Amino acid sequence: MTLLKLFLSFLKIGAFSFGGGYAMLPLIEKETIEIHGWLTTKEFIDILAVVEMTPGPIAINSATFLGYKVAGVWGSVVATIGVVLPSIVIILIIAHFLSKFKDSPYVDWAFRGIRPVVLGLIVSASITVARNAFIDVKSAIIAVVLFYFLAFKKLHPILAIVIAGVIGAFVF
């Protein structure tokens, strides 16, 4: 039963998320923490940290890690299949009909309406992560300093992760 719930939850996440992995985070959080109680908020944040450091798409990594946490190897398999299946089906349908509708103003207008929602989902996920990541003033300072270097000095994200880990090991 847990495997079916995992599959259906991640199928729903994959079907109703636009904008990639970051936009999926609020839906993943709602499903795994609020609806099913599979994770605590702290566990969710810890898994996000691992997902961020792991190569690959955030949505797929999240599904794989969360599925494994909930139901082992088979959990990771069904959650991953669930999250990618809607995209595969949609891409196949779009590829089939793209030549007919690629110049349609309705398609353009629909995507213009979807783009702001994607930004809202990403901001919502950021706020959720921030609430749980800022455990004290030191963690907030680390975040602000690294944000500055990432956004304005173009520090490589991998280097930022390594620096934050080293600082965390000494400061905490």
C-alpha atoms as a PDB file:
ATOM      1  CA  MET A   1       0.000   0.000   0.000  1.00  0.00           C
ATOM      2  CA  THR A   2       2.890   2.376   0.793  1.00  0.00           C
ATOM      3  CA  LEU A   3       4.388   1.793  -2.648  1.00  0.00           C
ATOM      4  CA  LEU A   4       1.087   2.653  -4.319  1.00  0.00           C
ATOM      5  CA  LYS A   5       0.768   5.816  -2.185  1.00  0.00           C
ATOM      6  CA  LEU A   6       4.339   6.783  -3.094  1.00  0.00           C
ATOM      7  CA  PHE A   7       3.686   6.239  -6.789  1.00  0.00           C
ATOM      8  CA  LEU A   8       0.409   8.183  -6.781  1.00  0.00           C
ATOM      9  CA  SER A   9       1.869  11.023  -4.714  1.00  0.00           C
ATOM     10  CA  PHE A  10       4.834  11.500  -7.021  1.00  0.00           C
ATOM     11  CA  LEU A  11       2.664  11.001 -10.103  1.00  0.00           C
ATOM     12  CA  LYS A  12       0.521  13.906  -8.843  1.00  0.00           C
ATOM     13  CA  ILE A  13       3.644  15.992  -8.152  1.00  0.00           C
ATOM     14  CA  GLY A  14       5.021  15.280 -11.612  1.00  0.00           C
ATOM     15  CA  ALA A  15       1.691  16.000 -13.288  1.00  0.00           C
ATOM     16  CA  PHE A  16       0.968  19.325 -11.618  1.00  0.00           C
ATOM     17  CA  SER A  17       4.402  20.914 -11.332  1.00  0.00           C
ATOM     18  CA  PHE A  18       5.639  23.359 -13.910  1.00  0.00           C
ATOM     19  CA  GLY A  19       9.096  24.885 -13.827  1.00  0.00           C
ATOM     20  CA  GLY A  20      11.313  22.049 -12.709  1.00  0.00           C
ATOM     21  CA  GLY A  21      12.504  20.687  -9.404  1.00  0.00           C
ATOM     22  CA  TYR A  22      12.477  23.874  -7.341  1.00  0.00           C
ATOM     23  CA  ALA A  23       8.871  24.526  -8.298  1.00  0.00           C
ATOM     24  CA  MET A  24       8.021  20.985  -7.173  1.00  0.00           C
ATOM     25  CA  LEU A  25       9.403  21.431  -3.667  1.00  0.00           C
ATOM     26  CA  PRO A  26       6.215  22.871  -2.112  1.00  0.00           C
ATOM     27  CA  LEU A  27       4.196  19.976  -3.539  1.00  0.00           C
ATOM     28  CA  ILE A  28       6.757  17.413  -2.394  1.00  0.00           C
ATOM     29  CA  GLU A  29       6.777  18.984   1.056  1.00  0.00           C
ATOM     30  CA  LYS A  30       2.978  18.924   1.297  1.00  0.00           C
ATOM     31  CA  GLU A  31       2.738  15.293   0.168  1.00  0.00           C
ATOM     32  CA  THR A  32       5.581  13.870   2.243  1.00  0.00           C
ATOM     33  CA  ILE A  33       5.205  15.897   5.445  1.00  0.00           C
ATOM     34  CA  GLU A  34       1.658  17.218   5.745  1.00  0.00           C
ATOM     35  CA  ILE A  35      -0.477  14.649   3.927  1.00  0.00           C
ATOM     36  CA  HIS A  36       1.348  11.354   4.560  1.00  0.00           C
ATOM     37  CA  GLY A  37       3.666  12.183   7.466  1.00  0.00           C
ATOM     38  CA  TRP A  38       6.500  10.202   5.915  1.00  0.00           C
ATOM     39  CA  LEU A  39       9.080  12.821   6.915  1.00  0.00           C
ATOM     40  CA  THR A  40       9.642  15.545   9.451  1.00  0.00           C
ATOM     41  CA  THR A  41      10.514  19.035   8.246  1.00  0.00           C
ATOM     42  CA  LYS A  42      14.088  18.518   9.439  1.00  0.00           C
ATOM     43  CA  GLU A  43      14.397  15.255   7.479  1.00  0.00           C
ATOM     44  CA  PHE A  44      12.981  17.010   4.412  1.00  0.00           C
ATOM     45  CA  ILE A  45      15.567  19.798   4.670  1.00  0.00           C
ATOM     46  CA  ASP A  46      18.373  17.255   5.161  1.00  0.00           C
ATOM     47  CA  ILE A  47      17.268  15.325   2.092  1.00  0.00           C
ATOM     48  CA  LEU A  48      17.127  18.576   0.102  1.00  0.00           C
ATOM     49  CA  ALA A  49      20.728  19.245   1.078  1.00  0.00           C
ATOM     50  CA  VAL A  50      21.756  15.833  -0.285  1.00  0.00           C
ATOM     51  CA  VAL A  51      19.630  16.322  -3.411  1.00  0.00           C
ATOM     52  CA  GLU A  52      21.293  19.691  -4.086  1.00  0.00           C
ATOM     53  CA  MET A  53      24.771  18.152  -3.909  1.00  0.00           C
ATOM     54  CA  THR A  54      23.910  15.128  -6.040  1.00  0.00           C
ATOM     55  CA  PRO A  55      24.270  15.382  -9.828  1.00  0.00           C
ATOM     56  CA  GLY A  56      21.011  15.201 -11.719  1.00  0.00           C
ATOM     57  CA  PRO A  57      17.603  16.825 -11.835  1.00  0.00           C
ATOM     58  CA  ILE A  58      16.263  17.944  -8.461  1.00  0.00           C
ATOM     59  CA  ALA A  59      12.822  16.426  -9.014  1.00  0.00           C
ATOM     60  CA  ILE A  60      14.184  12.995  -9.861  1.00  0.00           C
ATOM     61  CA  ASN A  61      16.779  13.051  -7.081  1.00  0.00           C
ATOM     62  CA  SER A  62      14.120  14.152  -4.591  1.00  0.00           C
ATOM     63  CA  ALA A  63      11.760  11.382  -5.620  1.00  0.00           C
ATOM     64  CA  THR A  64      14.535   8.804  -5.490  1.00  0.00           C
ATOM     65  CA  PHE A  65      15.837   9.843  -2.060  1.00  0.00           C
ATOM     66  CA  LEU A  66      12.401  10.357  -0.523  1.00  0.00           C
ATOM     67  CA  GLY A  67      11.123   7.091  -1.963  1.00  0.00           C
ATOM     68  CA  TYR A  68      14.132   5.278  -0.518  1.00  0.00           C
ATOM     69  CA  LYS A  69      13.627   6.911   2.882  1.00  0.00           C
ATOM     70  CA  VAL A  70       9.983   5.842   2.954  1.00  0.00           C
ATOM     71  CA  ALA A  71      10.109   2.345   1.422  1.00  0.00           C
ATOM     72  CA  GLY A  72      13.662   1.367   0.514  1.00  0.00           C
ATOM     73  CA  VAL A  73      14.835   0.498  -2.990  1.00  0.00           C
ATOM     74  CA  TRP A  74      11.356  -0.227  -4.340  1.00  0.00           C
ATOM     75  CA  GLY A  75      10.145   3.045  -2.873  1.00  0.00           C
ATOM     76  CA  SER A  76      12.837   4.921  -4.772  1.00  0.00           C
ATOM     77  CA  VAL A  77      11.928   3.098  -7.987  1.00  0.00           C
ATOM     78  CA  VAL A  78       8.172   3.771  -7.822  1.00  0.00           C
ATOM     79  CA  ALA A  79       8.571   7.385  -6.656  1.00  0.00           C
ATOM     80  CA  THR A  80      11.022   8.105  -9.476  1.00  0.00           C
ATOM     81  CA  ILE A  81       8.795   6.480 -12.088  1.00  0.00           C
ATOM     82  CA  GLY A  82       5.813   8.381 -10.696  1.00  0.00           C
ATOM     83  CA  VAL A  83       7.506  11.777 -10.915  1.00  0.00           C
ATOM     84  CA  VAL A  84       8.858  11.307 -14.479  1.00  0.00           C
ATOM     85  CA  LEU A  85       5.892   9.520 -16.056  1.00  0.00           C
ATOM     86  CA  PRO A  86       3.716  12.633 -16.526  1.00  0.00           C
ATOM     87  CA  SER A  87       6.597  14.502 -18.176  1.00  0.00           C
ATOM     88  CA  ILE A  88       7.276  11.641 -20.557  1.00  0.00           C
ATOM     89  CA  VAL A  89       3.609  11.397 -21.543  1.00  0.00           C
ATOM     90  CA  ILE A  90       3.267  15.176 -21.946  1.00  0.00           C
ATOM     91  CA  ILE A  91       6.450  15.417 -24.042  1.00  0.00           C
ATOM     92  CA  LEU A  92       5.265  12.622 -26.324  1.00  0.00           C
ATOM     93  CA  ILE A  93       1.888  14.314 -26.789  1.00  0.00           C
ATOM     94  CA  ILE A  94       3.480  17.728 -27.374  1.00  0.00           C
ATOM     95  CA  ALA A  95       5.954  16.269 -29.861  1.00  0.00           C
ATOM     96  CA  HIS A  96       3.074  14.728 -31.775  1.00  0.00           C
ATOM     97  CA  PHE A  97       1.015  17.918 -31.964  1.00  0.00           C
ATOM     98  CA  LEU A  98       3.726  20.595 -31.834  1.00  0.00           C
ATOM     99  CA  SER A  99       3.791  21.289 -35.543  1.00  0.00           C
ATOM    100  CA  LYS A 100       0.059  22.130 -35.476  1.00  0.00           C
ATOM    101  CA  PHE A 101       0.062  24.455 -32.476  1.00  0.00           C
ATOM    102  CA  LYS A 102       3.581  25.891 -32.173  1.00  0.00           C
ATOM    103  CA  ASP A 103       2.524  29.292 -33.526  1.00  0.00           C
ATOM    104  CA  SER A 104      -0.773  29.480 -31.641  1.00  0.00           C
ATOM    105  CA  PRO A 105      -1.207  32.627 -29.567  1.00  0.00           C
ATOM    106  CA  TYR A 106      -3.221  30.583 -27.055  1.00  0.00           C
ATOM    107  CA  VAL A 107      -0.209  28.390 -26.331  1.00  0.00           C
ATOM    108  CA  ASP A 108       1.961  31.482 -25.908  1.00  0.00           C
ATOM    109  CA  TRP A 109      -0.601  33.116 -23.621  1.00  0.00           C
ATOM    110  CA  ALA A 110      -0.910  29.958 -21.500  1.00  0.00           C
ATOM    111  CA  PHE A 111       2.839  29.851 -20.931  1.00  0.00           C
ATOM    112  CA  ARG A 112       2.900  33.559 -20.116  1.00  0.00           C
ATOM    113  CA  GLY A 113       0.372  32.810 -17.400  1.00  0.00           C
ATOM    114  CA  ILE A 114       2.273  29.795 -16.085  1.00  0.00           C
ATOM    115  CA  ARG A 115       5.668  31.539 -15.757  1.00  0.00           C
ATOM    116  CA  PRO A 116       4.712  33.784 -12.790  1.00  0.00           C
ATOM    117  CA  VAL A 117       3.275  30.785 -10.944  1.00  0.00           C
ATOM    118  CA  VAL A 118       6.575  28.972 -11.338  1.00  0.00           C
ATOM    119  CA  LEU A 119       8.366  31.901  -9.715  1.00  0.00           C
ATOM    120  CA  GLY A 120       5.833  31.861  -6.881  1.00  0.00           C
ATOM    121  CA  LEU A 121       6.398  28.148  -6.296  1.00  0.00           C
ATOM    122  CA  ILE A 122      10.169  28.629  -6.191  1.00  0.00           C
ATOM    123  CA  VAL A 123       9.859  31.529  -3.728  1.00  0.00           C
ATOM    124  CA  SER A 124       7.496  29.465  -1.577  1.00  0.00           C
ATOM    125  CA  ALA A 125      10.005  26.602  -1.484  1.00  0.00           C
ATOM    126  CA  SER A 126      12.787  29.052  -0.619  1.00  0.00           C
ATOM    127  CA  ILE A 127      10.821  30.432   2.309  1.00  0.00           C
ATOM    128  CA  THR A 128      10.133  26.928   3.624  1.00  0.00           C
ATOM    129  CA  VAL A 129      13.792  25.984   3.390  1.00  0.00           C
ATOM    130  CA  ALA A 130      14.889  29.291   4.955  1.00  0.00           C
ATOM    131  CA  ARG A 131      12.598  28.847   7.957  1.00  0.00           C
ATOM    132  CA  ASN A 132      14.285  25.579   8.796  1.00  0.00           C
ATOM    133  CA  ALA A 133      17.820  26.300   7.604  1.00  0.00           C
ATOM    134  CA  PHE A 134      18.348  29.431   9.678  1.00  0.00           C
ATOM    135  CA  ILE A 135      18.805  27.784  13.050  1.00  0.00           C
ATOM    136  CA  ASP A 136      20.696  30.756  14.498  1.00  0.00           C
ATOM    137  CA  VAL A 137      22.467  33.979  13.544  1.00  0.00           C
ATOM    138  CA  LYS A 138      25.580  32.107  12.371  1.00  0.00           C
ATOM    139  CA  SER A 139      23.625  30.098   9.811  1.00  0.00           C
ATOM    140  CA  ALA A 140      21.933  33.264   8.524  1.00  0.00           C
ATOM    141  CA  ILE A 141      25.305  35.000   8.152  1.00  0.00           C
ATOM    142  CA  ILE A 142      26.736  32.030   6.233  1.00  0.00           C
ATOM    143  CA  ALA A 143      23.695  32.066   3.926  1.00  0.00           C
ATOM    144  CA  VAL A 144      23.826  35.815   3.281  1.00  0.00           C
ATOM    145  CA  VAL A 145      27.578  35.854   2.630  1.00  0.00           C
ATOM    146  CA  LEU A 146      27.439  32.869   0.279  1.00  0.00           C
ATOM    147  CA  PHE A 147      24.365  34.281  -1.461  1.00  0.00           C
ATOM    148  CA  TYR A 148      26.320  37.480  -2.120  1.00  0.00           C
ATOM    149  CA  PHE A 149      29.237  35.540  -3.613  1.00  0.00           C
ATOM    150  CA  LEU A 150      26.947  33.292  -5.660  1.00  0.00           C
ATOM    151  CA  ALA A 151      24.723  36.066  -7.006  1.00  0.00           C
ATOM    152  CA  PHE A 152      27.174  38.924  -7.475  1.00  0.00           C
ATOM    153  CA  LYS A 153      30.668  37.436  -7.649  1.00  0.00           C
ATOM    154  CA  LYS A 154      29.623  34.340  -9.632  1.00  0.00           C
ATOM    155  CA  LEU A 155      31.103  31.855  -7.155  1.00  0.00           C
ATOM    156  CA  HIS A 156      30.658  28.327  -8.463  1.00  0.00           C
ATOM    157  CA  PRO A 157      27.808  26.536  -6.607  1.00  0.00           C
ATOM    158  CA  ILE A 158      29.948  23.474  -5.886  1.00  0.00           C
ATOM    159  CA  LEU A 159      32.593  25.656  -4.290  1.00  0.00           C
ATOM    160  CA  ALA A 160      29.865  27.390  -2.242  1.00  0.00           C
ATOM    161  CA  ILE A 161      28.662  24.010  -0.940  1.00  0.00           C
ATOM    162  CA  VAL A 162      32.205  22.988  -0.001  1.00  0.00           C
ATOM    163  CA  ILE A 163      32.881  26.335   1.698  1.00  0.00           C
ATOM    164  CA  ALA A 164      29.595  26.153   3.633  1.00  0.00           C
ATOM    165  CA  GLY A 165      30.396  22.603   4.754  1.00  0.00           C
ATOM    166  CA  VAL A 166      33.869  23.593   5.951  1.00  0.00           C
ATOM    167  CA  ILE A 167      32.543  26.681   7.736  1.00  0.00           C
ATOM    168  CA  GLY A 168      29.755  24.621   9.300  1.00  0.00           C
ATOM    169  CA  ALA A 169      32.226  22.025  10.541  1.00  0.00           C
ATOM    170  CA  PHE A 170      34.208  24.718  12.351  1.00  0.00           C
ATOM    171  CA  VAL A 171      31.403  27.014  13.489  1.00  0.00           C
ATOM    172  CA  PHE A 172      28.902  24.430  14.686  1.00  0.00           C
END
